[in-house]
C-alpha cells in the first residue's frame, strides 16, 4: 500500500518548507498520514489482513516519533502541522 508518485509530489509541495525541501519532518509526517489513511480504509474492507494491520501500527509509531521530534525542536511548527493535518494530540 504505497502512494503513487503524483500524490507524493502533491503532498510534498503543500508541506515543504522551502523550494527544494523533500525530507523535512513536516513532509514526512504528511506522507505518513496519507499512507495511514489508505491503510485504514483497506483494513475496513479486509479486516482479516493481519500483515497490513502490523504495517499500520508501524506507520503510526513512526509518525508519532516524528511528531515528538518536531514538538521538541519547533513547537509552533508542530502545532501548525497538527491543525493542518487535523490530528488529535
Protein backbone atom coordinates (compact mmCIF):
# COMPACT_ATOMS: atom_id res chain seq x y z
CA UNK A 1 0.00 0.00 0.00
CA UNK A 2 2.24 2.78 -1.17
CA UNK A 3 1.32 6.16 -2.55
CA UNK A 4 1.69 6.93 -6.23
CA UNK A 5 4.25 9.48 -7.38
CA UNK A 6 1.72 12.20 -8.15
CA UNK A 7 0.16 12.07 -4.69
CA UNK A 8 3.57 12.23 -3.01
CA UNK A 9 4.61 15.23 -5.11
CA UNK A 10 1.34 16.99 -4.31
CA UNK A 11 1.78 16.42 -0.57
CA UNK A 12 5.43 17.48 -0.75
CA UNK A 13 4.57 20.76 -2.50
CA UNK A 14 1.87 21.51 0.07
CA UNK A 15 4.01 20.89 3.17
CA UNK A 16 7.57 21.76 2.09
CA UNK A 17 9.39 24.50 3.99
CA UNK A 18 11.34 25.79 1.00
CA UNK A 19 11.55 25.09 -2.73
CA UNK A 20 13.90 22.07 -2.60
CA UNK A 21 12.57 20.57 0.65
CA UNK A 22 11.58 16.92 0.25
CA UNK A 23 12.55 15.31 3.54
CA UNK A 24 11.69 17.63 6.40
CA UNK A 25 9.67 16.26 9.30
CA UNK A 26 6.59 18.13 8.08
CA UNK A 27 6.67 16.44 4.68
CA UNK A 28 7.39 13.01 6.15
CA UNK A 29 4.53 13.31 8.64
CA UNK A 30 2.11 14.40 5.92
CA UNK A 31 3.08 11.46 3.69
CA UNK A 32 2.77 9.02 6.59
CA UNK A 33 -0.65 10.45 7.44
CA UNK A 34 -1.85 9.81 3.89
CA UNK A 35 -0.49 6.25 3.94
CA UNK A 36 -2.16 5.64 7.32
CA UNK A 37 -5.49 6.84 5.92
CA UNK A 38 -5.19 4.50 2.94
CA UNK A 39 -4.29 1.52 5.11
CA UNK A 40 -7.16 2.28 7.48
CA UNK A 41 -9.61 2.22 4.57
CA UNK A 42 -8.09 -1.03 3.33
CA UNK A 43 -8.44 -2.64 6.76
CA UNK A 44 -12.09 -1.61 6.97
CA UNK A 45 -12.71 -3.59 3.77
CA UNK A 46 -10.49 -6.58 4.71
CA UNK A 47 -10.47 -6.98 8.50
CA UNK A 48 -8.51 -10.27 8.45
CA UNK A 49 -5.42 -8.79 6.77
CA UNK A 50 -3.08 -9.01 9.74
CA UNK A 51 0.07 -8.09 7.80
CA UNK A 52 -1.45 -4.76 6.81
CA UNK A 53 -2.57 -4.21 10.40
CA UNK A 54 1.03 -4.67 11.57
CA UNK A 55 2.24 -2.27 8.87
CA UNK A 56 -0.35 0.28 10.03
CA UNK A 57 0.87 0.05 13.62
CA UNK A 58 4.46 0.57 12.48
CA UNK A 59 3.49 3.63 10.43
CA UNK A 60 1.57 5.12 13.34
CA UNK A 61 4.59 4.61 15.61
CA UNK A 62 6.93 6.20 13.08
CA UNK A 63 4.61 9.20 12.71
CA UNK A 64 4.38 9.51 16.49
CA UNK A 65 8.20 9.59 16.79
CA UNK A 66 8.46 12.26 14.08
CA UNK A 67 5.74 14.33 15.77
CA UNK A 68 7.55 14.07 19.11
CA UNK A 69 10.79 15.19 17.45
CA UNK A 70 9.07 18.14 15.79
CA UNK A 71 7.41 19.11 19.08
CA UNK A 72 10.75 19.09 20.90
CA UNK A 73 12.55 21.14 18.23
CA UNK A 74 9.91 23.59 16.97
CA UNK A 75 6.63 23.69 18.90
CA UNK A 76 4.97 26.32 16.71
CA UNK A 77 5.57 24.29 13.55
CA UNK A 78 4.30 21.19 15.38
CA UNK A 79 1.06 22.89 16.42
CA UNK A 80 0.50 24.31 12.94
CA UNK A 81 1.02 20.87 11.39
CA UNK A 82 -1.38 19.22 13.84
CA UNK A 83 -4.08 21.72 12.87
CA UNK A 84 -3.31 21.41 9.13
CA UNK A 85 -3.49 17.60 9.18
CA UNK A 86 -6.41 17.50 11.63
CA UNK A 87 -4.64 15.16 14.07
CA UNK A 88 -5.51 14.66 17.70
CA UNK A 89 -2.93 15.34 20.41
